[in-house]
């Protein structure tokens, strides 16, 4: 189940209805943990891990319905442009700056 971290990248995007907004520290801890002990799936929070396990028990149609109920289909797709504008301007400026630097 995807969710967003409270970073500039997630600015103006909706998260799932029942999921808490993650911190960059939460994500970093889990990444380090997955490097130390590799696994196929690495849920960031314990409740997300439990939800993933239960979610897989249901048939695809039930999963689709519950995903829509909890707005999982809206994560990172329902964007509020005004809240995201500053981030997008900064990224565009960085891209222009990097394009002007010749590669070696």
PDB file of N, CA and C in Angstrom:
ATOM      1  N   UNK A   1       0.836  -1.163   0.000  1.00  0.00           N
ATOM      2  CA  UNK A   1       0.000   0.000   0.000  1.00  0.00           C
ATOM      3  C   UNK A   1       0.892   1.241   0.000  1.00  0.00           C
ATOM      4  N   UNK A   2       0.811   2.004  -1.013  1.00  0.00           N
ATOM      5  CA  UNK A   2       1.697   3.166  -1.079  1.00  0.00           C
ATOM      6  C   UNK A   2       1.257   4.280  -0.142  1.00  0.00           C
ATOM      7  N   UNK A   3       2.191   5.069   0.239  1.00  0.00           N
ATOM      8  CA  UNK A   3       1.879   6.295   0.953  1.00  0.00           C
ATOM      9  C   UNK A   3       3.007   7.273   0.711  1.00  0.00           C
ATOM     10  N   UNK A   4       2.813   8.483   1.146  1.00  0.00           N
ATOM     11  CA  UNK A   4       3.778   9.541   0.909  1.00  0.00           C
ATOM     12  C   UNK A   4       4.529   9.891   2.174  1.00  0.00           C
ATOM     13  N   UNK A   5       5.717  10.432   1.974  1.00  0.00           N
ATOM     14  CA  UNK A   5       6.477  10.976   3.092  1.00  0.00           C
ATOM     15  C   UNK A   5       6.281  12.489   3.118  1.00  0.00           C
ATOM     16  N   UNK A   6       6.392  13.051   4.293  1.00  0.00           N
ATOM     17  CA  UNK A   6       6.234  14.502   4.460  1.00  0.00           C
ATOM     18  C   UNK A   6       7.511  15.189   3.993  1.00  0.00           C
ATOM     19  N   UNK A   7       7.704  15.216   2.683  1.00  0.00           N
ATOM     20  CA  UNK A   7       8.864  15.861   2.070  1.00  0.00           C
ATOM     21  C   UNK A   7       8.358  16.775   0.960  1.00  0.00           C
ATOM     22  N   UNK A   8       9.265  17.536   0.365  1.00  0.00           N
ATOM     23  CA  UNK A   8       8.877  18.397  -0.756  1.00  0.00           C
ATOM     24  C   UNK A   8       8.279  17.585  -1.901  1.00  0.00           C
ATOM     25  N   UNK A   9       8.798  16.389  -2.125  1.00  0.00           N
ATOM     26  CA  UNK A   9       8.299  15.547  -3.209  1.00  0.00           C
ATOM     27  C   UNK A   9       6.809  15.235  -3.047  1.00  0.00           C
ATOM     28  N   UNK A  10       6.345  15.109  -1.814  1.00  0.00           N
ATOM     29  CA  UNK A  10       4.939  14.802  -1.565  1.00  0.00           C
ATOM     30  C   UNK A  10       4.046  16.025  -1.421  1.00  0.00           C
ATOM     31  N   UNK A  11       4.605  17.214  -1.586  1.00  0.00           N
ATOM     32  CA  UNK A  11       3.825  18.445  -1.413  1.00  0.00           C
ATOM     33  C   UNK A  11       2.631  18.491  -2.365  1.00  0.00           C
ATOM     34  N   UNK A  12       1.461  18.760  -1.831  1.00  0.00           N
ATOM     35  CA  UNK A  12       0.256  18.903  -2.641  1.00  0.00           C
ATOM     36  C   UNK A  12      -0.371  17.609  -3.092  1.00  0.00           C
ATOM     37  N   UNK A  13       0.171  16.468  -2.653  1.00  0.00           N
ATOM     38  CA  UNK A  13      -0.402  15.174  -3.033  1.00  0.00           C
ATOM     39  C   UNK A  13      -1.193  14.603  -1.867  1.00  0.00           C
ATOM     40  N   UNK A  14      -2.232  13.857  -2.191  1.00  0.00           N
ATOM     41  CA  UNK A  14      -3.069  13.236  -1.168  1.00  0.00           C
ATOM     42  C   UNK A  14      -2.468  11.908  -0.744  1.00  0.00           C
ATOM     43  N   UNK A  15      -2.637  11.596   0.546  1.00  0.00           N
ATOM     44  CA  UNK A  15      -2.221  10.282   1.027  1.00  0.00           C
ATOM     45  C   UNK A  15      -3.469   9.431   1.236  1.00  0.00           C
ATOM     46  N   UNK A  16      -3.263   8.170   1.544  1.00  0.00           N
ATOM     47  CA  UNK A  16      -4.384   7.269   1.787  1.00  0.00           C
ATOM     48  C   UNK A  16      -5.159   7.734   3.019  1.00  0.00           C
ATOM     49  N   UNK A  17      -6.452   7.422   3.062  1.00  0.00           N
ATOM     50  CA  UNK A  17      -7.325   7.931   4.129  1.00  0.00           C
ATOM     51  C   UNK A  17      -6.866   7.553   5.533  1.00  0.00           C
ATOM     52  N   UNK A  18      -6.482   6.305   5.741  1.00  0.00           N
ATOM     53  CA  UNK A  18      -6.163   5.869   7.102  1.00  0.00           C
ATOM     54  C   UNK A  18      -4.666   5.817   7.379  1.00  0.00           C
ATOM     55  N   UNK A  19      -3.854   6.100   6.400  1.00  0.00           N
ATOM     56  CA  UNK A  19      -2.408   5.998   6.576  1.00  0.00           C
ATOM     57  C   UNK A  19      -1.836   7.300   7.110  1.00  0.00           C
ATOM     58  N   UNK A  20      -0.905   7.166   8.050  1.00  0.00           N
ATOM     59  CA  UNK A  20      -0.265   8.369   8.562  1.00  0.00           C
ATOM     60  C   UNK A  20       0.788   8.825   7.554  1.00  0.00           C
ATOM     61  N   UNK A  21       0.986  10.112   7.487  1.00  0.00           N
ATOM     62  CA  UNK A  21       2.008  10.660   6.615  1.00  0.00           C
ATOM     63  C   UNK A  21       3.363  10.308   7.205  1.00  0.00           C
ATOM     64  N   UNK A  22       4.217   9.705   6.422  1.00  0.00           N
ATOM     65  CA  UNK A  22       5.512   9.246   6.892  1.00  0.00           C
ATOM     66  C   UNK A  22       6.509  10.388   6.979  1.00  0.00           C
ATOM     67  N   UNK A  23       7.516  10.219   7.809  1.00  0.00           N
ATOM     68  CA  UNK A  23       8.598  11.194   7.848  1.00  0.00           C
ATOM     69  C   UNK A  23       9.770  10.635   7.045  1.00  0.00           C
ATOM     70  N   UNK A  24      10.665  11.510   6.626  1.00  0.00           N
ATOM     71  CA  UNK A  24      11.854  11.057   5.912  1.00  0.00           C
ATOM     72  C   UNK A  24      12.671  10.131   6.810  1.00  0.00           C
ATOM     73  N   UNK A  25      12.677  10.395   8.110  1.00  0.00           N
ATOM     74  CA  UNK A  25      13.394   9.538   9.060  1.00  0.00           C
ATOM     75  C   UNK A  25      12.831   8.131   9.117  1.00  0.00           C
ATOM     76  N   UNK A  26      11.483   8.006   9.083  1.00  0.00           N
ATOM     77  CA  UNK A  26      10.843   6.684   9.062  1.00  0.00           C
ATOM     78  C   UNK A  26      11.330   5.883   7.863  1.00  0.00           C
ATOM     79  N   UNK A  27      11.311   6.531   6.720  1.00  0.00           N
ATOM     80  CA  UNK A  27      11.700   5.867   5.474  1.00  0.00           C
ATOM     81  C   UNK A  27      13.188   5.502   5.512  1.00  0.00           C
ATOM     82  N   UNK A  28      14.024   6.422   5.973  1.00  0.00           N
ATOM     83  CA  UNK A  28      15.464   6.170   6.037  1.00  0.00           C
ATOM     84  C   UNK A  28      15.790   4.981   6.941  1.00  0.00           C
ATOM     85  N   UNK A  29      15.134   4.912   8.103  1.00  0.00           N
ATOM     86  CA  UNK A  29      15.366   3.788   9.018  1.00  0.00           C
ATOM     87  C   UNK A  29      15.044   2.456   8.362  1.00  0.00           C
ATOM     88  N   UNK A  30      13.935   2.415   7.638  1.00  0.00           N
ATOM     89  CA  UNK A  30      13.532   1.156   6.996  1.00  0.00           C
ATOM     90  C   UNK A  30      14.449   0.800   5.831  1.00  0.00           C
ATOM     91  N   UNK A  31      14.946   1.797   5.121  1.00  0.00           N
ATOM     92  CA  UNK A  31      15.886   1.527   4.027  1.00  0.00           C
ATOM     93  C   UNK A  31      17.165   0.928   4.593  1.00  0.00           C
ATOM     94  N   UNK A  32      17.693   1.533   5.651  1.00  0.00           N
ATOM     95  CA  UNK A  32      18.912   1.003   6.285  1.00  0.00           C
ATOM     96  C   UNK A  32      18.650  -0.423   6.781  1.00  0.00           C
ATOM     97  N   UNK A  33      17.497  -0.627   7.413  1.00  0.00           N
ATOM     98  CA  UNK A  33      17.144  -1.966   7.886  1.00  0.00           C
ATOM     99  C   UNK A  33      17.059  -2.987   6.758  1.00  0.00           C
ATOM    100  N   UNK A  34      16.546  -2.568   5.608  1.00  0.00           N
ATOM    101  CA  UNK A  34      16.425  -3.506   4.486  1.00  0.00           C
ATOM    102  C   UNK A  34      17.770  -3.802   3.847  1.00  0.00           C
ATOM    103  N   UNK A  35      18.728  -2.888   3.987  1.00  0.00           N
ATOM    104  CA  UNK A  35      20.083  -3.153   3.499  1.00  0.00           C
ATOM    105  C   UNK A  35      20.767  -4.146   4.435  1.00  0.00           C
ATOM    106  N   UNK A  36      20.553  -3.960   5.736  1.00  0.00           N
ATOM    107  CA  UNK A  36      21.155  -4.850   6.725  1.00  0.00           C
ATOM    108  C   UNK A  36      20.531  -6.247   6.687  1.00  0.00           C
ATOM    109  N   UNK A  37      19.232  -6.306   6.394  1.00  0.00           N
ATOM    110  CA  UNK A  37      18.508  -7.581   6.341  1.00  0.00           C
ATOM    111  C   UNK A  37      17.579  -7.549   5.123  1.00  0.00           C
ATOM    112  N   UNK A  38      18.092  -7.924   3.947  1.00  0.00           N
ATOM    113  CA  UNK A  38      17.303  -7.805   2.710  1.00  0.00           C
ATOM    114  C   UNK A  38      16.000  -8.611   2.753  1.00  0.00           C
ATOM    115  N   UNK A  39      14.948  -7.963   2.251  1.00  0.00           N
ATOM    116  CA  UNK A  39      13.642  -8.606   2.113  1.00  0.00           C
ATOM    117  C   UNK A  39      12.994  -8.100   0.837  1.00  0.00           C
ATOM    118  N   UNK A  40      12.033  -8.867   0.333  1.00  0.00           N
ATOM    119  CA  UNK A  40      11.354  -8.485  -0.910  1.00  0.00           C
ATOM    120  C   UNK A  40      10.481  -7.260  -0.715  1.00  0.00           C
ATOM    121  N   UNK A  41       9.708  -7.232   0.369  1.00  0.00           N
ATOM    122  CA  UNK A  41       8.853  -6.090   0.688  1.00  0.00           C
ATOM    123  C   UNK A  41       9.297  -5.503   2.013  1.00  0.00           C
ATOM    124  N   UNK A  42       9.315  -4.191   2.077  1.00  0.00           N
ATOM    125  CA  UNK A  42       9.735  -3.518   3.304  1.00  0.00           C
ATOM    126  C   UNK A  42       8.677  -2.483   3.672  1.00  0.00           C
ATOM    127  N   UNK A  43       7.680  -2.879   4.479  1.00  0.00           N
ATOM    128  CA  UNK A  43       6.692  -1.886   4.907  1.00  0.00           C
ATOM    129  C   UNK A  43       7.350  -0.895   5.856  1.00  0.00           C
ATOM    130  N   UNK A  44       6.974   0.361   5.734  1.00  0.00           N
ATOM    131  CA  UNK A  44       7.602   1.405   6.543  1.00  0.00           C
ATOM    132  C   UNK A  44       7.073   1.389   7.974  1.00  0.00           C
ATOM    133  N   UNK A  45       5.807   1.090   8.158  1.00  0.00           N
ATOM    134  CA  UNK A  45       5.237   1.038   9.503  1.00  0.00           C
ATOM    135  C   UNK A  45       4.690  -0.363   9.761  1.00  0.00           C
ATOM    136  N   UNK A  46       4.594  -0.726  11.032  1.00  0.00           N
ATOM    137  CA  UNK A  46       4.088  -2.051  11.394  1.00  0.00           C
ATOM    138  C   UNK A  46       2.646  -2.244  10.936  1.00  0.00           C
ATOM    139  N   UNK A  47       1.820  -1.189  11.070  1.00  0.00           N
ATOM    140  CA  UNK A  47       0.422  -1.329  10.658  1.00  0.00           C
ATOM    141  C   UNK A  47       0.313  -1.495   9.143  1.00  0.00           C
ATOM    142  N   UNK A  48       1.220  -0.871   8.392  1.00  0.00           N
ATOM    143  CA  UNK A  48       1.217  -1.063   6.935  1.00  0.00           C
ATOM    144  C   UNK A  48       1.596  -2.498   6.599  1.00  0.00           C
ATOM    145  N   UNK A  49       2.552  -3.062   7.324  1.00  0.00           N
ATOM    146  CA  UNK A  49       2.942  -4.454   7.098  1.00  0.00           C
ATOM    147  C   UNK A  49       1.798  -5.403   7.345  1.00  0.00           C
ATOM    148  N   UNK A  50       1.077  -5.180   8.436  1.00  0.00           N
ATOM    149  CA  UNK A  50      -0.085  -6.013   8.753  1.00  0.00           C
ATOM    150  C   UNK A  50      -1.149  -5.863   7.672  1.00  0.00           C
ATOM    151  N   UNK A  51      -1.425  -4.628   7.280  1.00  0.00           N
ATOM    152  CA  UNK A  51      -2.434  -4.371   6.252  1.00  0.00           C
ATOM    153  C   UNK A  51      -2.080  -5.051   4.938  1.00  0.00           C
ATOM    154  N   UNK A  52      -0.816  -5.018   4.564  1.00  0.00           N
ATOM    155  CA  UNK A  52      -0.386  -5.679   3.324  1.00  0.00           C
ATOM    156  C   UNK A  52      -0.658  -7.183   3.375  1.00  0.00           C
ATOM    157  N   UNK A  53      -0.348  -7.784   4.517  1.00  0.00           N
ATOM    158  CA  UNK A  53      -0.558  -9.233   4.658  1.00  0.00           C
ATOM    159  C   UNK A  53      -2.040  -9.588   4.563  1.00  0.00           C
ATOM    160  N   UNK A  54      -2.898  -8.816   5.233  1.00  0.00           N
ATOM    161  CA  UNK A  54      -4.340  -9.070   5.198  1.00  0.00           C
ATOM    162  C   UNK A  54      -4.886  -8.798   3.796  1.00  0.00           C
ATOM    163  N   UNK A  55      -4.426  -7.734   3.183  1.00  0.00           N
ATOM    164  CA  UNK A  55      -4.880  -7.318   1.847  1.00  0.00           C
ATOM    165  C   UNK A  55      -4.680  -8.438   0.828  1.00  0.00           C
ATOM    166  N   UNK A  56      -3.570  -9.144   0.927  1.00  0.00           N
ATOM    167  CA  UNK A  56      -3.269 -10.220  -0.028  1.00  0.00           C
ATOM    168  C   UNK A  56      -4.191 -11.421   0.115  1.00  0.00           C
ATOM    169  N   UNK A  57      -4.872 -11.538   1.242  1.00  0.00           N
ATOM    170  CA  UNK A  57      -5.764 -12.677   1.461  1.00  0.00           C
ATOM    171  C   UNK A  57      -7.057 -12.578   0.657  1.00  0.00           C
ATOM    172  N   UNK A  58      -7.409 -11.363   0.234  1.00  0.00           N
ATOM    173  CA  UNK A  58      -8.672 -11.142  -0.460  1.00  0.00           C
ATOM    174  C   UNK A  58      -8.533 -11.321  -1.968  1.00  0.00           C
ATOM    175  N   UNK A  59      -9.640 -11.689  -2.624  1.00  0.00           N
ATOM    176  CA  UNK A  59      -9.631 -11.748  -4.088  1.00  0.00           C
ATOM    177  C   UNK A  59      -9.408 -10.344  -4.683  1.00  0.00           C
ATOM    178  N   UNK A  60      -8.981 -10.293  -5.918  1.00  0.00           N
ATOM    179  CA  UNK A  60      -8.639  -9.030  -6.580  1.00  0.00           C
ATOM    180  C   UNK A  60      -9.788  -8.023  -6.542  1.00  0.00           C
ATOM    181  N   UNK A  61     -11.006  -8.462  -6.774  1.00  0.00           N
ATOM    182  CA  UNK A  61     -12.142  -7.522  -6.774  1.00  0.00           C
ATOM    183  C   UNK A  61     -12.343  -6.874  -5.404  1.00  0.00           C
ATOM    184  N   UNK A  62     -12.181  -7.649  -4.359  1.00  0.00           N
ATOM    185  CA  UNK A  62     -12.319  -7.108  -3.006  1.00  0.00           C
ATOM    186  C   UNK A  62     -11.177  -6.128  -2.731  1.00  0.00           C
ATOM    187  N   UNK A  63      -9.961  -6.472  -3.144  1.00  0.00           N
ATOM    188  CA  UNK A  63      -8.825  -5.560  -2.970  1.00  0.00           C
ATOM    189  C   UNK A  63      -9.071  -4.246  -3.703  1.00  0.00           C
ATOM    190  N   UNK A  64      -9.607  -4.326  -4.913  1.00  0.00           N
ATOM    191  CA  UNK A  64      -9.896  -3.108  -5.682  1.00  0.00           C
ATOM    192  C   UNK A  64     -10.914  -2.228  -4.957  1.00  0.00           C
ATOM    193  N   UNK A  65     -11.965  -2.830  -4.421  1.00  0.00           N
ATOM    194  CA  UNK A  65     -12.998  -2.073  -3.716  1.00  0.00           C
ATOM    195  C   UNK A  65     -12.413  -1.427  -2.460  1.00  0.00           C
ATOM    196  N   UNK A  66     -11.643  -2.187  -1.683  1.00  0.00           N
ATOM    197  CA  UNK A  66     -11.074  -1.615  -0.463  1.00  0.00           C
ATOM    198  C   UNK A  66     -10.038  -0.538  -0.798  1.00  0.00           C
ATOM    199  N   UNK A  67      -9.300  -0.717  -1.874  1.00  0.00           N
ATOM    200  CA  UNK A  67      -8.346   0.324  -2.295  1.00  0.00           C
ATOM    201  C   UNK A  67      -9.075   1.633  -2.585  1.00  0.00           C
ATOM    202  N   UNK A  68     -10.213   1.545  -3.261  1.00  0.00           N
ATOM    203  CA  UNK A  68     -10.989   2.754  -3.550  1.00  0.00           C
ATOM    204  C   UNK A  68     -11.597   3.334  -2.274  1.00  0.00           C
ATOM    205  N   UNK A  69     -12.057   2.481  -1.358  1.00  0.00           N
ATOM    206  CA  UNK A  69     -12.640   2.953  -0.098  1.00  0.00           C
ATOM    207  C   UNK A  69     -11.633   3.772   0.708  1.00  0.00           C
ATOM    208  N   UNK A  70     -10.388   3.315   0.717  1.00  0.00           N
ATOM    209  CA  UNK A  70      -9.354   3.993   1.499  1.00  0.00           C
ATOM    210  C   UNK A  70      -8.534   4.966   0.665  1.00  0.00           C
ATOM    211  N   UNK A  71      -9.001   5.253  -0.544  1.00  0.00           N
ATOM    212  CA  UNK A  71      -8.379   6.221  -1.451  1.00  0.00           C
ATOM    213  C   UNK A  71      -6.957   5.834  -1.849  1.00  0.00           C
ATOM    214  N   UNK A  72      -6.678   4.537  -1.871  1.00  0.00           N
ATOM    215  CA  UNK A  72      -5.350   4.085  -2.293  1.00  0.00           C
ATOM    216  C   UNK A  72      -5.116   4.413  -3.766  1.00  0.00           C
ATOM    217  N   UNK A  73      -6.187   4.487  -4.528  1.00  0.00           N
ATOM    218  CA  UNK A  73      -6.066   4.807  -5.953  1.00  0.00           C
ATOM    219  C   UNK A  73      -5.787   6.289  -6.182  1.00  0.00           C
ATOM    220  N   UNK A  74      -5.837   7.084  -5.126  1.00  0.00           N
ATOM    221  CA  UNK A  74      -5.603   8.527  -5.247  1.00  0.00           C
ATOM    222  C   UNK A  74      -4.206   8.948  -4.778  1.00  0.00           C
ATOM    223  N   UNK A  75      -3.489   8.028  -4.121  1.00  0.00           N
ATOM    224  CA  UNK A  75      -2.167   8.354  -3.592  1.00  0.00           C
ATOM    225  C   UNK A  75      -1.263   8.809  -4.733  1.00  0.00           C
ATOM    226  N   UNK A  76      -0.731   9.991  -4.583  1.00  0.00           N
ATOM    227  CA  UNK A  76       0.208  10.602  -5.540  1.00  0.00           C
ATOM    228  C   UNK A  76      -0.422  10.917  -6.893  1.00  0.00           C
ATOM    229  N   UNK A  77      -1.733  10.767  -7.030  1.00  0.00           N
ATOM    230  CA  UNK A  77      -2.371  11.122  -8.298  1.00  0.00           C
ATOM    231  C   UNK A  77      -3.338  12.290  -8.138  1.00  0.00           C
ATOM    232  N   UNK A  78      -3.850  12.491  -6.936  1.00  0.00           N
ATOM    233  CA  UNK A  78      -4.753  13.603  -6.658  1.00  0.00           C
ATOM    234  C   UNK A  78      -3.887  14.769  -6.183  1.00  0.00           C
ATOM    235  N   UNK A  79      -3.486  15.617  -7.120  1.00  0.00           N
ATOM    236  CA  UNK A  79      -2.492  16.656  -6.838  1.00  0.00           C
ATOM    237  C   UNK A  79      -3.153  18.025  -6.734  1.00  0.00           C
ATOM    238  N   UNK A  80      -2.794  18.757  -5.705  1.00  0.00           N
ATOM    239  CA  UNK A  80      -3.251  20.143  -5.522  1.00  0.00           C
ATOM    240  C   UNK A  80      -2.155  21.049  -6.080  1.00  0.00           C
ATOM    241  N   UNK A  81      -2.378  21.561  -7.267  1.00  0.00           N
ATOM    242  CA  UNK A  81      -1.348  22.312  -7.997  1.00  0.00           C
ATOM    243  C   UNK A  81      -0.792  23.495  -7.236  1.00  0.00           C
ATOM    244  N   UNK A  82      -1.631  24.251  -6.552  1.00  0.00           N
ATOM    245  CA  UNK A  82      -1.166  25.442  -5.840  1.00  0.00           C
ATOM    246  C   UNK A  82      -0.166  25.077  -4.740  1.00  0.00           C
ATOM    247  N   UNK A  83      -0.430  23.969  -4.032  1.00  0.00           N
ATOM    248  CA  UNK A  83       0.463  23.543  -2.957  1.00  0.00           C
ATOM    249  C   UNK A  83       1.770  22.977  -3.506  1.00  0.00           C
ATOM    250  N   UNK A  84       1.751  22.523  -4.728  1.00  0.00           N
ATOM    251  CA  UNK A  84       2.904  21.862  -5.325  1.00  0.00           C
ATOM    252  C   UNK A  84       3.745  22.802  -6.191  1.00  0.00           C
ATOM    253  N   UNK A  85       3.253  23.979  -6.477  1.00  0.00           N
ATOM    254  CA  UNK A  85       3.896  24.899  -7.424  1.00  0.00           C
ATOM    255  C   UNK A  85       5.327  25.249  -7.041  1.00  0.00           C
ATOM    256  N   UNK A  86       5.600  25.551  -5.777  1.00  0.00           N
ATOM    257  CA  UNK A  86       6.957  25.929  -5.359  1.00  0.00           C
ATOM    258  C   UNK A  86       7.934  24.789  -5.604  1.00  0.00           C
ATOM    259  N   UNK A  87       7.526  23.566  -5.285  1.00  0.00           N
ATOM    260  CA  UNK A  87       8.391  22.403  -5.520  1.00  0.00           C
ATOM    261  C   UNK A  87       8.676  22.234  -7.009  1.00  0.00           C
ATOM    262  N   UNK A  88       7.644  22.343  -7.830  1.00  0.00           N
ATOM    263  CA  UNK A  88       7.830  22.156  -9.271  1.00  0.00           C
ATOM    264  C   UNK A  88       8.712  23.240  -9.873  1.00  0.00           C
ATOM    265  N   UNK A  89       8.582  24.487  -9.391  1.00  0.00           N
ATOM    266  CA  UNK A  89       9.466  25.569  -9.867  1.00  0.00           C
ATOM    267  C   UNK A  89      10.927  25.279  -9.510  1.00  0.00           C
ATOM    268  N   UNK A  90      11.147  24.824  -8.278  1.00  0.00           N
ATOM    269  CA  UNK A  90      12.511  24.520  -7.840  1.00  0.00           C
ATOM    270  C   UNK A  90      13.118  23.379  -8.648  1.00  0.00           C
ATOM    271  N   UNK A  91      12.341  22.347  -8.908  1.00  0.00           N
ATOM    272  CA  UNK A  91      12.826  21.209  -9.689  1.00  0.00           C
ATOM    273  C   UNK A  91      13.132  21.641 -11.120  1.00  0.00           C
ATOM    274  N   UNK A  92      12.268  22.464 -11.706  1.00  0.00           N
ATOM    275  CA  UNK A  92      12.500  22.952 -13.072  1.00  0.00           C
ATOM    276  C   UNK A  92      13.779  23.783 -13.127  1.00  0.00           C
ATOM    277  N   UNK A  93      14.003  24.622 -12.126  1.00  0.00           N
ATOM    278  CA  UNK A  93      15.224  25.447 -12.086  1.00  0.00           C
ATOM    279  C   UNK A  93      16.458  24.561 -11.943  1.00  0.00           C
ATOM    280  N   UNK A  94      16.373  23.533 -11.093  1.00  0.00           N
ATOM    281  CA  UNK A  94      17.494  22.605 -10.935  1.00  0.00           C
ATOM    282  C   UNK A  94      17.788  21.877 -12.245  1.00  0.00           C
ATOM    283  N   UNK A  95      16.734  21.474 -12.949  1.00  0.00           N
ATOM    284  CA  UNK A  95      16.916  20.768 -14.223  1.00  0.00           C
ATOM    285  C   UNK A  95      17.591  21.677 -15.247  1.00  0.00           C
ATOM    286  N   UNK A  96      17.154  22.933 -15.311  1.00  0.00           N
ATOM    287  CA  UNK A  96      17.780  23.883 -16.234  1.00  0.00           C
ATOM    288  C   UNK A  96      19.245  24.100 -15.880  1.00  0.00           C
ATOM    289  N   UNK A  97      19.528  24.240 -14.604  1.00  0.00           N
ATOM    290  CA  UNK A  97      20.902  24.456 -14.144  1.00  0.00           C
ATOM    291  C   UNK A  97      21.783  23.250 -14.485  1.00  0.00           C
ATOM    292  N   UNK A  98      21.257  22.062 -14.275  1.00  0.00           N
ATOM    293  CA  UNK A  98      22.028  20.840 -14.564  1.00  0.00           C
ATOM    294  C   UNK A  98      22.217  20.637 -16.063  1.00  0.00           C
ATOM    295  N   UNK A  99      21.255  21.068 -16.853  1.00  0.00           N
ATOM    296  CA  UNK A  99      21.372  20.951 -18.315  1.00  0.00           C
ATOM    297  C   UNK A  99      22.451  21.889 -18.856  1.00  0.00           C
ATOM    298  N   UNK A 100      22.673  23.001 -18.158  1.00  0.00           N
ATOM    299  CA  UNK A 100      23.680  23.971 -18.599  1.00  0.00           C
ATOM    300  C   UNK A 100      25.103  23.531 -18.271  1.00  0.00           C
ATOM    301  N   UNK A 101      25.242  22.592 -17.337  1.00  0.00           N
ATOM    302  CA  UNK A 101      26.567  22.104 -16.957  1.00  0.00           C
ATOM    303  C   UNK A 101      26.976  20.990 -17.918  1.00  0.00           C
ATOM    304  N   UNK A 102      28.124  21.155 -18.624  1.00  0.00           N
ATOM    305  CA  UNK A 102      28.538  20.104 -19.562  1.00  0.00           C
ATOM    306  C   UNK A 102      28.937  18.834 -18.809  1.00  0.00           C
ATOM    307  N   UNK A 103      28.567  17.699 -19.363  1.00  0.00           N
ATOM    308  CA  UNK A 103      28.933  16.421 -18.732  1.00  0.00           C
ATOM    309  C   UNK A 103      30.371  16.092 -19.097  1.00  0.00           C
ATOM    310  N   UNK A 104      31.003  15.324 -18.257  1.00  0.00           N
ATOM    311  CA  UNK A 104      32.414  14.969 -18.481  1.00  0.00           C
ATOM    312  C   UNK A 104      32.560  13.689 -19.210  1.00  0.00           C
TER     313      UNK A 104
END
